C-alpha atoms as a PDB file:
ATOM      1  CA  MET A   1     -81.279  67.624 139.013  1.00  0.00           C
ATOM      2  CA  LYS A   2     -79.813  64.401 137.743  1.00  0.00           C
ATOM      3  CA  LEU A   3     -80.039  65.623 134.185  1.00  0.00           C
ATOM      4  CA  ALA A   4     -78.290  68.848 135.108  1.00  0.00           C
ATOM      5  CA  THR A   5     -75.516  66.974 136.867  1.00  0.00           C
ATOM      6  CA  LEU A   6     -74.969  64.707 133.868  1.00  0.00           C
ATOM      7  CA  GLY A   7     -74.777  67.735 131.588  1.00  0.00           C
ATOM      8  CA  LEU A   8     -72.095  69.353 133.733  1.00  0.00           C
ATOM      9  CA  LEU A   9     -70.049  66.158 133.715  1.00  0.00           C
ATOM     10  CA  ALA A  10     -70.264  65.907 129.930  1.00  0.00           C
ATOM     11  CA  CYS A  11     -69.008  69.476 129.560  1.00  0.00           C
ATOM     12  CA  ALA A  12     -66.129  68.781 131.940  1.00  0.00           C
ATOM     13  CA  LEU A  13     -64.878  66.003 129.671  1.00  0.00           C
ATOM     14  CA  PHE A  14     -64.190  68.461 126.812  1.00  0.00           C
ATOM     15  CA  VAL A  15     -62.302  70.958 128.989  1.00  0.00           C
ATOM     16  CA  ASN A  16     -58.587  71.316 128.047  1.00  0.00           C
ATOM     17  CA  ALA A  17     -56.300  69.682 130.610  1.00  0.00           C
ATOM     18  CA  GLN A  18     -54.086  72.756 130.824  1.00  0.00           C
ATOM     19  CA  TYR A  19     -56.644  74.419 133.035  1.00  0.00           C
ATOM     20  CA  ILE A  20     -56.370  71.624 135.655  1.00  0.00           C
ATOM     21  CA  SER A  21     -53.120  71.976 137.614  1.00  0.00           C
ATOM     22  CA  GLU A  22     -51.884  70.189 140.699  1.00  0.00           C
ATOM     23  CA  GLY A  23     -49.889  73.203 141.772  1.00  0.00           C
ATOM     24  CA  TRP A  24     -46.167  73.899 142.048  1.00  0.00           C
ATOM     25  CA  LYS A  25     -43.868  71.438 143.732  1.00  0.00           C
ATOM     26  CA  PRO A  26     -40.341  72.114 145.073  1.00  0.00           C
ATOM     27  CA  GLY A  27     -37.641  71.563 142.436  1.00  0.00           C
ATOM     28  CA  GLN A  28     -40.099  71.793 139.555  1.00  0.00           C
ATOM     29  CA  LYS A  29     -39.452  74.203 136.753  1.00  0.00           C
ATOM     30  CA  VAL A  30     -41.753  77.112 136.424  1.00  0.00           C
ATOM     31  CA  HIS A  31     -43.991  76.781 133.374  1.00  0.00           C
ATOM     32  CA  THR A  32     -45.183  79.895 131.654  1.00  0.00           C
ATOM     33  CA  ILE A  33     -48.363  79.759 129.664  1.00  0.00           C
ATOM     34  CA  THR A  34     -48.339  81.886 126.588  1.00  0.00           C
ATOM     35  CA  ASP A  35     -51.450  83.661 125.562  1.00  0.00           C
ATOM     36  CA  ALA A  36     -51.318  82.413 122.041  1.00  0.00           C
ATOM     37  CA  ALA A  37     -49.408  79.644 120.403  1.00  0.00           C
ATOM     38  CA  SER A  38     -46.622  80.695 118.143  1.00  0.00           C
ATOM     39  CA  ALA A  39     -47.992  80.846 114.674  1.00  0.00           C
ATOM     40  CA  ASP A  40     -46.267  79.197 111.773  1.00  0.00           C
ATOM     41  CA  PRO A  41     -44.454  81.567 109.486  1.00  0.00           C
ATOM     42  CA  THR A  42     -46.652  82.744 106.694  1.00  0.00           C
ATOM     43  CA  TYR A  43     -45.887  81.679 103.097  1.00  0.00           C
ATOM     44  CA  THR A  44     -44.311  84.415 101.048  1.00  0.00           C
ATOM     45  CA  PRO A  45     -44.528  83.746  97.327  1.00  0.00           C
ATOM     46  CA  LYS A  46     -41.463  84.320  95.230  1.00  0.00           C
ATOM     47  CA  PRO A  47     -41.573  87.406  93.084  1.00  0.00           C
ATOM     48  CA  VAL A  48     -42.560  86.663  89.547  1.00  0.00           C
ATOM     49  CA  VAL A  49     -39.777  87.454  87.133  1.00  0.00           C
ATOM     50  CA  GLU A  50     -41.086  88.643  83.817  1.00  0.00           C
ATOM     51  CA  THR A  51     -39.265  86.778  81.104  1.00  0.00           C
ATOM     52  CA  GLN A  52     -39.348  88.180  77.627  1.00  0.00           C
ATOM     53  CA  PRO A  53     -40.164  85.696  74.896  1.00  0.00           C
ATOM     54  CA  LYS A  54     -37.291  84.655  72.722  1.00  0.00           C
ATOM     55  CA  GLN A  55     -37.113  86.759  69.634  1.00  0.00           C
ATOM     56  CA  SER A  56     -37.240  84.584  66.585  1.00  0.00           C
ATOM     57  CA  LYS A  57     -34.636  85.269  63.959  1.00  0.00           C
ATOM     58  CA  PRO A  58     -35.945  86.550  60.635  1.00  0.00           C
ATOM     59  CA  LEU A  59     -36.193  83.844  58.042  1.00  0.00           C
ATOM     60  CA  ARG A  60     -34.149  83.990  54.897  1.00  0.00           C
ATOM     61  CA  LEU A  61     -35.811  83.929  51.509  1.00  0.00           C
ATOM     62  CA  SER A  62     -34.811  80.324  50.924  1.00  0.00           C
ATOM     63  CA  GLN A  63     -36.276  79.311  54.291  1.00  0.00           C
ATOM     64  CA  LEU A  64     -39.463  81.283  53.682  1.00  0.00           C
ATOM     65  CA  PHE A  65     -40.200  79.477  50.419  1.00  0.00           C
ATOM     66  CA  ASP A  66     -38.626  76.161  51.365  1.00  0.00           C
ATOM     67  CA  ILE A  67     -40.847  73.356  50.092  1.00  0.00           C
ATOM     68  CA  ASN A  68     -40.158  71.242  53.188  1.00  0.00           C
ATOM     69  CA  ARG A  69     -41.171  74.108  55.450  1.00  0.00           C
ATOM     70  CA  LEU A  70     -44.349  74.677  53.445  1.00  0.00           C
ATOM     71  CA  LEU A  71     -45.302  70.995  53.518  1.00  0.00           C
ATOM     72  CA  THR A  72     -44.784  70.725  57.270  1.00  0.00           C
ATOM     73  CA  SER A  73     -46.832  73.832  58.075  1.00  0.00           C
ATOM     74  CA  ASP A  74     -50.094  73.406  59.987  1.00  0.00           C
ATOM     75  CA  PRO A  75     -52.429  74.084  57.012  1.00  0.00           C
ATOM     76  CA  ALA A  76     -50.562  71.629  54.784  1.00  0.00           C
ATOM     77  CA  VAL A  77     -50.533  68.947  57.487  1.00  0.00           C
ATOM     78  CA  ALA A  78     -54.285  69.413  57.995  1.00  0.00           C
ATOM     79  CA  VAL A  79     -54.977  69.080  54.258  1.00  0.00           C
ATOM     80  CA  PHE A  80     -52.882  65.914  53.876  1.00  0.00           C
ATOM     81  CA  SER A  81     -54.382  64.394  57.019  1.00  0.00           C
ATOM     82  CA  LYS A  82     -57.829  64.564  55.423  1.00  0.00           C
ATOM     83  CA  PHE A  83     -56.539  62.194  52.749  1.00  0.00           C
ATOM     84  CA  GLY A  84     -54.970  59.915  55.360  1.00  0.00           C
ATOM     85  CA  ILE A  85     -51.376  60.996  54.645  1.00  0.00           C
ATOM     86  CA  ASN A  86     -48.938  61.814  57.429  1.00  0.00           C
ATOM     87  CA  ILE A  87     -46.821  64.281  55.485  1.00  0.00           C
ATOM     88  CA  THR A  88     -44.537  65.033  58.450  1.00  0.00           C
ATOM     89  CA  GLU A  89     -43.570  61.375  58.788  1.00  0.00           C
ATOM     90  CA  LYS A  90     -42.970  61.080  55.046  1.00  0.00           C
ATOM     91  CA  ILE A  91     -40.603  64.048  55.054  1.00  0.00           C
ATOM     92  CA  GLN A  92     -38.716  62.744  58.080  1.00  0.00           C
ATOM     93  CA  LEU A  93     -38.261  59.366  56.396  1.00  0.00           C
ATOM     94  CA  ALA A  94     -36.966  61.096  53.288  1.00  0.00           C
ATOM     95  CA  PHE A  95     -34.327  62.912  55.332  1.00  0.00           C
ATOM     96  CA  THR A  96     -33.318  59.897  57.370  1.00  0.00           C
ATOM     97  CA  ASN A  97     -32.521  57.857  54.244  1.00  0.00           C
ATOM     98  CA  LYS A  98     -28.777  58.351  53.901  1.00  0.00           C
ATOM     99  CA  LEU A  99     -27.280  58.348  50.440  1.00  0.00           C
ATOM    100  CA  TRP A 100     -23.663  57.582  51.271  1.00  0.00           C
ATOM    101  CA  ASP A 101     -21.381  56.135  53.904  1.00  0.00           C
ATOM    102  CA  GLU A 102     -20.837  58.931  56.427  1.00  0.00           C
ATOM    103  CA  ARG A 103     -17.358  57.659  57.282  1.00  0.00           C
ATOM    104  CA  ILE A 104     -16.138  58.906  53.913  1.00  0.00           C
ATOM    105  CA  PRO A 105     -15.459  62.659  54.220  1.00  0.00           C
ATOM    106  CA  LEU A 106     -17.586  64.907  52.042  1.00  0.00           C
ATOM    107  CA  ILE A 107     -15.316  67.402  50.303  1.00  0.00           C
ATOM    108  CA  THR A 108     -16.791  70.845  49.651  1.00  0.00           C
ATOM    109  CA  ASP A 109     -15.595  74.233  48.463  1.00  0.00           C
ATOM    110  CA  HIS A 110     -15.134  75.286  52.091  1.00  0.00           C
ATOM    111  CA  ASN A 111     -13.106  72.383  53.482  1.00  0.00           C
ATOM    112  CA  TYR A 112     -11.077  71.388  50.404  1.00  0.00           C
ATOM    113  CA  LYS A 113      -7.991  73.325  51.449  1.00  0.00           C
ATOM    114  CA  ASP A 114      -8.199  72.200  55.071  1.00  0.00           C
ATOM    115  CA  ILE A 115      -8.601  68.509  54.256  1.00  0.00           C
ATOM    116  CA  ILE A 116      -6.398  68.088  51.182  1.00  0.00           C
ATOM    117  CA  VAL A 117      -4.184  71.091  50.452  1.00  0.00           C
ATOM    118  CA  ASN A 118      -3.163  71.866  54.045  1.00  0.00           C
ATOM    119  CA  GLU A 119      -3.160  68.293  55.374  1.00  0.00           C
ATOM    120  CA  GLN A 120      -0.573  67.768  58.105  1.00  0.00           C
ATOM    121  CA  LEU A 121       1.899  65.259  56.644  1.00  0.00           C
ATOM    122  CA  THR A 122       5.535  64.371  56.883  1.00  0.00           C
ATOM    123  CA  GLU A 123       7.697  64.507  53.798  1.00  0.00           C
ATOM    124  CA  GLN A 124       7.405  60.759  53.192  1.00  0.00           C
ATOM    125  CA  GLU A 125       3.667  60.729  53.897  1.00  0.00           C
ATOM    126  CA  GLU A 126       3.149  63.596  51.465  1.00  0.00           C
ATOM    127  CA  LYS A 127       5.045  61.651  48.823  1.00  0.00           C
ATOM    128  CA  ASP A 128       2.948  58.506  49.355  1.00  0.00           C
ATOM    129  CA  ARG A 129      -0.415  60.158  49.902  1.00  0.00           C
ATOM    130  CA  VAL A 130      -3.068  59.194  47.334  1.00  0.00           C
ATOM    131  CA  TRP A 131      -6.608  60.522  47.373  1.00  0.00           C
ATOM    132  CA  MET A 132      -9.358  58.476  45.751  1.00  0.00           C
ATOM    133  CA  ILE A 133     -12.298  60.836  45.149  1.00  0.00           C
ATOM    134  CA  VAL A 134     -15.652  60.125  43.545  1.00  0.00           C
ATOM    135  CA  ILE A 135     -17.644  62.997  42.021  1.00  0.00           C
ATOM    136  CA  SER A 136     -21.236  61.896  42.485  1.00  0.00           C
ATOM    137  CA  SER A 137     -24.601  63.169  41.266  1.00  0.00           C
ATOM    138  CA  THR A 138     -26.724  60.717  43.267  1.00  0.00           C
ATOM    139  CA  SER A 139     -28.193  63.561  45.356  1.00  0.00           C
ATOM    140  CA  SER A 140     -30.314  64.512  42.340  1.00  0.00           C
ATOM    141  CA  LYS A 141     -32.441  61.397  43.115  1.00  0.00           C
ATOM    142  CA  GLN A 142     -31.744  59.937  39.681  1.00  0.00           C
ATOM    143  CA  GLU A 143     -31.044  56.223  39.650  1.00  0.00           C
ATOM    144  CA  GLY A 144     -28.261  55.243  37.285  1.00  0.00           C
ATOM    145  CA  VAL A 145     -24.519  54.882  36.896  1.00  0.00           C
ATOM    146  CA  SER A 146     -23.783  57.418  39.626  1.00  0.00           C
ATOM    147  CA  LYS A 147     -25.599  55.421  42.300  1.00  0.00           C
ATOM    148  CA  PHE A 148     -23.979  52.174  41.167  1.00  0.00           C
ATOM    149  CA  LEU A 149     -20.544  53.797  41.281  1.00  0.00           C
ATOM    150  CA  ASP A 150     -21.279  55.098  44.788  1.00  0.00           C
ATOM    151  CA  GLU A 151     -22.152  51.591  45.967  1.00  0.00           C
ATOM    152  CA  VAL A 152     -18.951  50.131  44.487  1.00  0.00           C
ATOM    153  CA  PHE A 153     -16.937  52.979  45.997  1.00  0.00           C
ATOM    154  CA  ASP A 154     -18.454  52.498  49.467  1.00  0.00           C
ATOM    155  CA  ASN A 155     -17.930  48.725  49.342  1.00  0.00           C
ATOM    156  CA  ALA A 156     -14.295  49.153  48.337  1.00  0.00           C
ATOM    157  CA  TYR A 157     -13.795  51.621  51.185  1.00  0.00           C
ATOM    158  CA  ASN A 158     -15.399  49.258  53.686  1.00  0.00           C
ATOM    159  CA  GLU A 159     -13.248  46.317  52.552  1.00  0.00           C
ATOM    160  CA  THR A 160     -10.148  48.491  52.809  1.00  0.00           C
ATOM    161  CA  GLN A 161     -11.008  49.486  56.369  1.00  0.00           C
ATOM    162  CA  VAL A 162     -11.345  45.819  57.307  1.00  0.00           C
ATOM    163  CA  ALA A 163      -8.167  44.680  55.535  1.00  0.00           C
ATOM    164  CA  GLU A 164      -6.101  47.766  56.458  1.00  0.00           C
ATOM    165  CA  ASP A 165      -3.854  47.158  53.455  1.00  0.00           C
ATOM    166  CA  LEU A 166      -3.909  50.654  51.911  1.00  0.00           C
ATOM    167  CA  PRO A 167      -2.600  52.987  54.633  1.00  0.00           C
ATOM    168  CA  ASN A 168      -1.485  55.681  52.188  1.00  0.00           C
ATOM    169  CA  VAL A 169      -4.883  55.955  50.457  1.00  0.00           C
ATOM    170  CA  ARG A 170      -7.574  58.295  51.644  1.00  0.00           C
ATOM    171  CA  TRP A 171     -11.113  58.354  50.352  1.00  0.00           C
ATOM    172  CA  GLY A 172     -13.363  61.314  49.654  1.00  0.00           C
ATOM    173  CA  ARG A 173     -16.598  62.250  47.936  1.00  0.00           C
ATOM    174  CA  ILE A 174     -17.712  65.398  46.103  1.00  0.00           C
ATOM    175  CA  ASP A 175     -21.390  66.159  45.643  1.00  0.00           C
ATOM    176  CA  TYR A 176     -21.461  67.549  42.113  1.00  0.00           C
ATOM    177  CA  LEU A 177     -24.706  69.462  42.629  1.00  0.00           C
ATOM    178  CA  ASN A 178     -23.475  71.348  45.704  1.00  0.00           C
ATOM    179  CA  VAL A 179     -19.848  72.013  44.769  1.00  0.00           C
ATOM    180  CA  THR A 180     -18.969  74.703  42.233  1.00  0.00           C
ATOM    181  CA  HIS A 181     -15.441  76.019  42.705  1.00  0.00           C
ATOM    182  CA  ILE A 182     -13.624  72.673  42.705  1.00  0.00           C
ATOM    183  CA  THR A 183     -15.437  71.169  39.720  1.00  0.00           C
ATOM    184  CA  THR A 184     -15.118  74.375  37.688  1.00  0.00           C
ATOM    185  CA  LYS A 185     -11.412  74.670  38.410  1.00  0.00           C
ATOM    186  CA  TRP A 186     -10.967  71.025  37.431  1.00  0.00           C
ATOM    187  CA  ASN A 187     -12.985  71.641  34.255  1.00  0.00           C
ATOM    188  CA  VAL A 188     -15.518  68.951  35.210  1.00  0.00           C
ATOM    189  CA  TRP A 189     -18.960  69.632  33.736  1.00  0.00           C
ATOM    190  CA  GLN A 190     -20.669  66.279  34.251  1.00  0.00           C
ATOM    191  CA  ALA A 191     -20.803  63.433  36.729  1.00  0.00           C
ATOM    192  CA  PRO A 192     -19.937  60.785  37.834  1.00  0.00           C
ATOM    193  CA  TYR A 193     -16.140  60.802  37.809  1.00  0.00           C
ATOM    194  CA  LEU A 194     -13.356  59.036  39.681  1.00  0.00           C
ATOM    195  CA  VAL A 195     -10.352  61.208  40.524  1.00  0.00           C
ATOM    196  CA  ILE A 196      -6.875  60.153  41.632  1.00  0.00           C
ATOM    197  CA  LEU A 197      -5.350  63.151  43.419  1.00  0.00           C
ATOM    198  CA  LYS A 198      -1.714  63.526  44.478  1.00  0.00           C
ATOM    199  CA  ASP A 199       0.725  66.259  45.506  1.00  0.00           C
ATOM    200  CA  ARG A 200      -1.914  68.201  47.446  1.00  0.00           C
ATOM    201  CA  GLY A 201      -4.122  68.586  44.396  1.00  0.00           C
ATOM    202  CA  GLN A 202      -1.419  69.466  41.856  1.00  0.00           C
ATOM    203  CA  THR A 203      -1.529  66.089  40.084  1.00  0.00           C
ATOM    204  CA  LEU A 204      -4.943  64.945  38.889  1.00  0.00           C
ATOM    205  CA  ARG A 205      -6.147  61.943  36.912  1.00  0.00           C
ATOM    206  CA  PHE A 206      -9.787  61.628  35.845  1.00  0.00           C
ATOM    207  CA  TYR A 207     -11.636  58.424  34.989  1.00  0.00           C
ATOM    208  CA  ARG A 208     -15.113  57.916  33.636  1.00  0.00           C
ATOM    209  CA  PRO A 209     -17.031  54.844  34.912  1.00  0.00           C
ATOM    210  CA  GLN A 210     -16.696  53.068  31.566  1.00  0.00           C
ATOM    211  CA  HIS A 211     -12.893  53.296  31.810  1.00  0.00           C
ATOM    212  CA  LEU A 212     -12.707  51.083  34.914  1.00  0.00           C
ATOM    213  CA  ARG A 213     -14.082  47.756  36.055  1.00  0.00           C
ATOM    214  CA  LEU A 214     -16.818  48.732  38.475  1.00  0.00           C
ATOM    215  CA  ARG A 215     -16.222  46.128  41.146  1.00  0.00           C
ATOM    216  CA  SER A 216     -15.023  46.723  44.672  1.00  0.00           C
ATOM    217  CA  ASP A 217     -12.181  44.192  44.459  1.00  0.00           C
ATOM    218  CA  SER A 218     -11.065  45.549  41.076  1.00  0.00           C
ATOM    219  CA  LEU A 219     -11.052  49.079  42.445  1.00  0.00           C
ATOM    220  CA  ARG A 220      -8.943  48.033  45.428  1.00  0.00           C
ATOM    221  CA  GLU A 221      -6.552  46.165  43.143  1.00  0.00           C
ATOM    222  CA  PHE A 222      -6.297  49.278  40.968  1.00  0.00           C
ATOM    223  CA  LEU A 223      -5.155  51.220  44.036  1.00  0.00           C
ATOM    224  CA  ALA A 224      -2.938  48.527  45.535  1.00  0.00           C
ATOM    225  CA  GLN A 225      -0.971  47.956  42.315  1.00  0.00           C
ATOM    226  CA  GLU A 226      -0.973  51.682  41.491  1.00  0.00           C
ATOM    227  CA  GLY A 227      -2.646  51.086  38.169  1.00  0.00           C
ATOM    228  CA  TRP A 228      -3.326  54.792  37.916  1.00  0.00           C
ATOM    229  CA  THR A 229       0.364  55.389  37.123  1.00  0.00           C
ATOM    230  CA  ALA A 230      -0.265  54.022  33.616  1.00  0.00           C
ATOM    231  CA  THR A 231      -2.459  57.050  32.908  1.00  0.00           C
ATOM    232  CA  ALA A 232      -0.878  60.423  32.223  1.00  0.00           C
ATOM    233  CA  PRO A 233      -2.008  63.181  34.610  1.00  0.00           C
ATOM    234  CA  TRP A 234      -4.027  66.152  33.423  1.00  0.00           C
ATOM    235  CA  ASN A 235      -1.531  68.449  31.728  1.00  0.00           C
ATOM    236  CA  SER A 236      -3.081  71.585  30.299  1.00  0.00           C
ATOM    237  CA  ILE A 237      -2.595  75.338  30.340  1.00  0.00           C
ATOM    238  CA  TRP A 238      -5.871  75.467  32.309  1.00  0.00           C
ATOM    239  CA  GLY A 239      -4.851  72.771  34.788  1.00  0.00           C
ATOM    240  CA  PRO A 240      -2.790  72.977  37.989  1.00  0.00           C
ATOM    241  CA  GLY A 241       0.534  74.645  37.272  1.00  0.00           C
ATOM    242  CA  GLY A 242      -0.606  75.802  33.818  1.00  0.00           C
ATOM    243  CA  GLU A 243      -0.176  79.276  32.388  1.00  0.00           C
ATOM    244  CA  ARG A 244      -3.890  80.049  32.523  1.00  0.00           C
ATOM    245  CA  GLU A 245      -4.741  78.331  35.764  1.00  0.00           C
ATOM    246  CA  TRP A 246      -5.456  81.733  37.317  1.00  0.00           C
ATOM    247  CA  LEU A 247      -8.207  82.325  34.750  1.00  0.00           C
ATOM    248  CA  MET A 248      -9.969  79.111  35.743  1.00  0.00           C
ATOM    249  CA  ASP A 249      -9.558  80.071  39.384  1.00  0.00           C
ATOM    250  CA  HIS A 250     -11.203  83.482  38.834  1.00  0.00           C
ATOM    251  CA  PHE A 251     -13.921  81.937  36.685  1.00  0.00           C
ATOM    252  CA  ALA A 252     -14.637  79.356  39.382  1.00  0.00           C
ATOM    253  CA  THR A 253     -14.820  82.115  42.010  1.00  0.00           C
ATOM    254  CA  VAL A 254     -17.355  84.078  39.948  1.00  0.00           C
ATOM    255  CA  LEU A 255     -19.516  81.007  39.350  1.00  0.00           C
ATOM    256  CA  THR A 256     -19.375  80.168  43.054  1.00  0.00           C
ATOM    257  CA  LYS A 257     -20.650  83.630  43.997  1.00  0.00           C
ATOM    258  CA  ILE A 258     -23.461  83.347  41.461  1.00  0.00           C
ATOM    259  CA  TYR A 259     -24.355  79.920  42.814  1.00  0.00           C
ATOM    260  CA  ASN A 260     -24.368  81.193  46.402  1.00  0.00           C
ATOM    261  CA  TRP A 261     -26.868  83.877  45.376  1.00  0.00           C
ATOM    262  CA  THR A 262     -29.103  81.664  43.288  1.00  0.00           C
ATOM    263  CA  VAL A 263     -29.197  78.847  45.846  1.00  0.00           C
ATOM    264  CA  VAL A 264     -31.010  81.232  48.210  1.00  0.00           C
ATOM    265  CA  VAL A 265     -33.982  81.386  45.837  1.00  0.00           C
ATOM    266  CA  PRO A 266     -36.158  78.232  45.767  1.00  0.00           C
ATOM    267  CA  ARG A 267     -36.016  76.152  42.608  1.00  0.00           C
ATOM    268  CA  TRP A 268     -39.674  76.610  41.671  1.00  0.00           C
ATOM    269  CA  ILE A 269     -39.241  80.384  41.731  1.00  0.00           C
ATOM    270  CA  LEU A 270     -36.157  80.031  39.534  1.00  0.00           C
ATOM    271  CA  LEU A 271     -38.220  77.990  37.065  1.00  0.00           C
ATOM    272  CA  LEU A 272     -40.868  80.709  36.913  1.00  0.00           C
ATOM    273  CA  LEU A 273     -38.286  83.456  36.503  1.00  0.00           C
ATOM    274  CA  SER A 274     -36.322  81.565  33.860  1.00  0.00           C
ATOM    275  CA  GLY A 275     -39.507  80.853  31.880  1.00  0.00           C
ATOM    276  CA  THR A 276     -40.568  84.496  32.046  1.00  0.00           C
ATOM    277  CA  VAL A 277     -37.150  85.767  31.013  1.00  0.00           C
ATOM    278  CA  GLY A 278     -37.000  83.199  28.196  1.00  0.00           C
ATOM    279  CA  SER A 279     -40.359  84.253  26.754  1.00  0.00           C
ATOM    280  CA  ILE A 280     -39.350  87.926  26.915  1.00  0.00           C
ATOM    281  CA  LEU A 281     -36.079  87.206  25.121  1.00  0.00           C
ATOM    282  CA  ILE A 282     -37.855  85.201  22.424  1.00  0.00           C
ATOM    283  CA  ASN A 283     -40.315  88.040  21.826  1.00  0.00           C
ATOM    284  CA  LEU A 284     -37.488  90.541  21.621  1.00  0.00           C
ATOM    285  CA  MET A 285     -35.502  88.388  19.211  1.00  0.00           C
ATOM    286  CA  HIS A 286     -38.488  87.876  16.913  1.00  0.00           C
ATOM    287  CA  LYS A 287     -39.626  91.488  17.075  1.00  0.00           C
ATOM    288  CA  PRO A 288     -39.363  93.154  13.610  1.00  0.00           C
ATOM    289  CA  GLY A 289     -36.840  95.942  13.211  1.00  0.00           C
ATOM    290  CA  LYS A 290     -37.565  99.568  12.308  1.00  0.00           C
ATOM    291  CA  GLN A 291     -36.948  99.114   8.574  1.00  0.00           C
ATOM    292  CA  THR A 292     -39.151  96.033   8.452  1.00  0.00           C
ATOM    293  CA  ALA A 293     -41.947  97.837  10.294  1.00  0.00           C
ATOM    294  CA  GLN A 294     -41.716 100.817   7.925  1.00  0.00           C
ATOM    295  CA  ALA A 295     -41.821  98.528   4.888  1.00  0.00           C
ATOM    296  CA  ILE A 296     -44.930  96.781   6.244  1.00  0.00           C
ATOM    297  CA  GLU A 297     -46.667 100.121   6.864  1.00  0.00           C
ATOM    298  CA  ALA A 298     -45.774 101.364   3.354  1.00  0.00           C
ATOM    299  CA  GLN A 299     -47.130  98.159   1.825  1.00  0.00           C
ATOM    300  CA  LYS A 300     -50.388  98.541   3.743  1.00  0.00           C
ATOM    301  CA  ARG A 301     -50.757 102.149   2.567  1.00  0.00           C
ATOM    302  CA  SER A 302     -50.102 101.240  -1.075  1.00  0.00           C
ATOM    303  CA  GLN A 303     -52.674  98.447  -0.920  1.00  0.00           C
ATOM    304  CA  ALA A 304     -55.252 100.844   0.539  1.00  0.00           C
ATOM    305  CA  GLN A 305     -54.567 103.429  -2.183  1.00  0.00           C
ATOM    306  CA  GLU A 306     -54.886 100.843  -4.963  1.00  0.00           C
ATOM    307  CA  LYS A 307     -58.207  99.702  -3.542  1.00  0.00           C
ATOM    308  CA  GLN A 308     -59.544 103.252  -3.441  1.00  0.00           C
ATOM    309  CA  SER A 309     -58.460 103.967  -7.055  1.00  0.00           C
ATOM    310  CA  VAL A 310     -60.146 100.802  -8.328  1.00  0.00           C
ATOM    311  CA  GLU A 311     -63.388 101.755  -6.609  1.00  0.00           C
ATOM    312  CA  LYS A 312     -63.331 105.254  -8.157  1.00  0.00           C
ATOM    313  CA  GLU A 313     -62.688 104.000 -11.722  1.00  0.00           C
ATOM    314  CA  SER A 314     -65.410 101.398 -11.690  1.00  0.00           C
ATOM    315  CA  GLY A 315     -68.145 103.731 -10.335  1.00  0.00           C
ATOM    316  CA  PRO A 316     -71.746 102.670  -9.568  1.00  0.00           C
ATOM    317  CA  VAL A 317     -73.446 100.390 -12.153  1.00  0.00           C
ATOM    318  CA  SER A 318     -76.876 101.807 -13.415  1.00  0.00           C
ATOM    319  CA  ALA A 319     -79.819  99.489 -13.080  1.00  0.00           C
ATOM    320  CA  PRO A 320     -82.229  98.905 -16.058  1.00  0.00           C
ATOM    321  CA  ALA A 321     -85.241 101.202 -16.261  1.00  0.00           C
ATOM    322  CA  THR A 322     -88.463  99.982 -14.741  1.00  0.00           C
ATOM    323  CA  ASP A 323     -92.096 100.684 -15.506  1.00  0.00           C
ATOM    324  CA  SER A 324     -92.389 103.037 -12.611  1.00  0.00           C
ATOM    325  CA  GLU A 325     -89.427 105.119 -13.856  1.00  0.00           C
ATOM    326  CA  ASP A 326     -90.711 105.433 -17.532  1.00  0.00           C
ATOM    327  CA  GLY A 327     -94.285 106.143 -16.490  1.00  0.00           C
ATOM    328  CA  THR A 328     -95.739 103.665 -18.995  1.00  0.00           C
ATOM    329  CA  SER A 329     -94.958 100.148 -19.946  1.00  0.00           C
ATOM    330  CA  ALA A 330     -94.528  98.600 -23.357  1.00  0.00           C
ATOM    331  CA  HIS A 331     -98.024  97.203 -23.247  1.00  0.00           C
ATOM    332  CA  ALA A 332     -99.526 100.597 -22.451  1.00  0.00           C
ATOM    333  CA  LEU A 333     -97.944 102.143 -25.626  1.00  0.00           C
ATOM    334  CA  LYS A 334     -99.587  99.555 -27.852  1.00  0.00           C
ATOM    335  CA  ARG A 335    -103.056  99.853 -26.276  1.00  0.00           C
ATOM    336  CA  THR A 336    -105.769 101.625 -28.518  1.00  0.00           C
ATOM    337  CA  THR A 337    -109.457 102.287 -28.306  1.00  0.00           C
ATOM    338  CA  ALA A 338    -112.209 100.722 -30.459  1.00  0.00           C
ATOM    339  CA  LYS A 339    -112.800 103.951 -32.455  1.00  0.00           C
ATOM    340  CA  GLN A 340    -109.148 104.128 -33.323  1.00  0.00           C
ATOM    341  CA  ARG A 341    -109.233 100.591 -34.579  1.00  0.00           C
ATOM    342  CA  MET A 342    -112.298 101.334 -36.820  1.00  0.00           C
ATOM    343  CA  ARG A 343    -110.824 104.557 -38.231  1.00  0.00           C
ATOM    344  CA  PRO A 344    -109.219 104.002 -41.604  1.00  0.00           C
ATOM    345  CA  GLU A 345    -105.653 104.932 -41.989  1.00  0.00           C
ATOM    346  CA  ALA A 346    -104.976 108.075 -43.850  1.00  0.00           C
END
């Protein structure tokens, strides 16, 4: 009985208190017991929106065969990594190495008119405006005079920005390898060059590096004292204002269109195509003409006929007779019997 009583007491301890009530008292609010506790709102997942993958733009031919794109592809990176070479890092370092001072505007075929020809100037500013332009070939990765001239040019520009003593002079750079229309119209076929430009491109003076003292202070002095006035501007029928300037303009436009087409094709493909075309042209130029081919064929036929006639005239040479052909030999004709030797001659 004691064990049963203890068991009932233990069960009573776990009974919820809401079942034990003291009853209602006057002034007390009436409590209503709900059958089930209000359930938390269920989680409703957001509808999944199907997003279409971004369509990649088709690559151009130059991008498809771009050497940088090929070297940074996964197979190429895996091959170079086997030799301990991080080709991606090498290419990034090559691109991060800047050739020129970026503060100096790079003049191209597309922005030449906007920067120089159509520059917003007052009448006095237009009269005083002087453009100092360097035509550089340093982008070809060839160390030489062009790179040295670029360094002198950049140093002179930097010193001018610090001194602020040449307010009427503006500086510019032309990449000879990537500009076609301007250099063709100016009749410039090699680099480097220094150009003094005035009157919105109508007055031009060209200087080779050996014509100037390649020092930054000398270059600034040349501009400050207007030493370029001692040189006559380019005056030609092909130059600005000349009678045949329009021909150079059309010629430059044609070359620019050809360049824009050829620049799409990678350089190594151009080398293969140029080599193939060159070999075909050489073979065509050295190919014998119709008359020469006919003369060669006639000479071959005459030589064959002469050979046949000589063989017919000579004929086969008869060999000397042998014992087997005569039936008897010389010794057999002289051989006699003993009776014949004893018989007296008649």
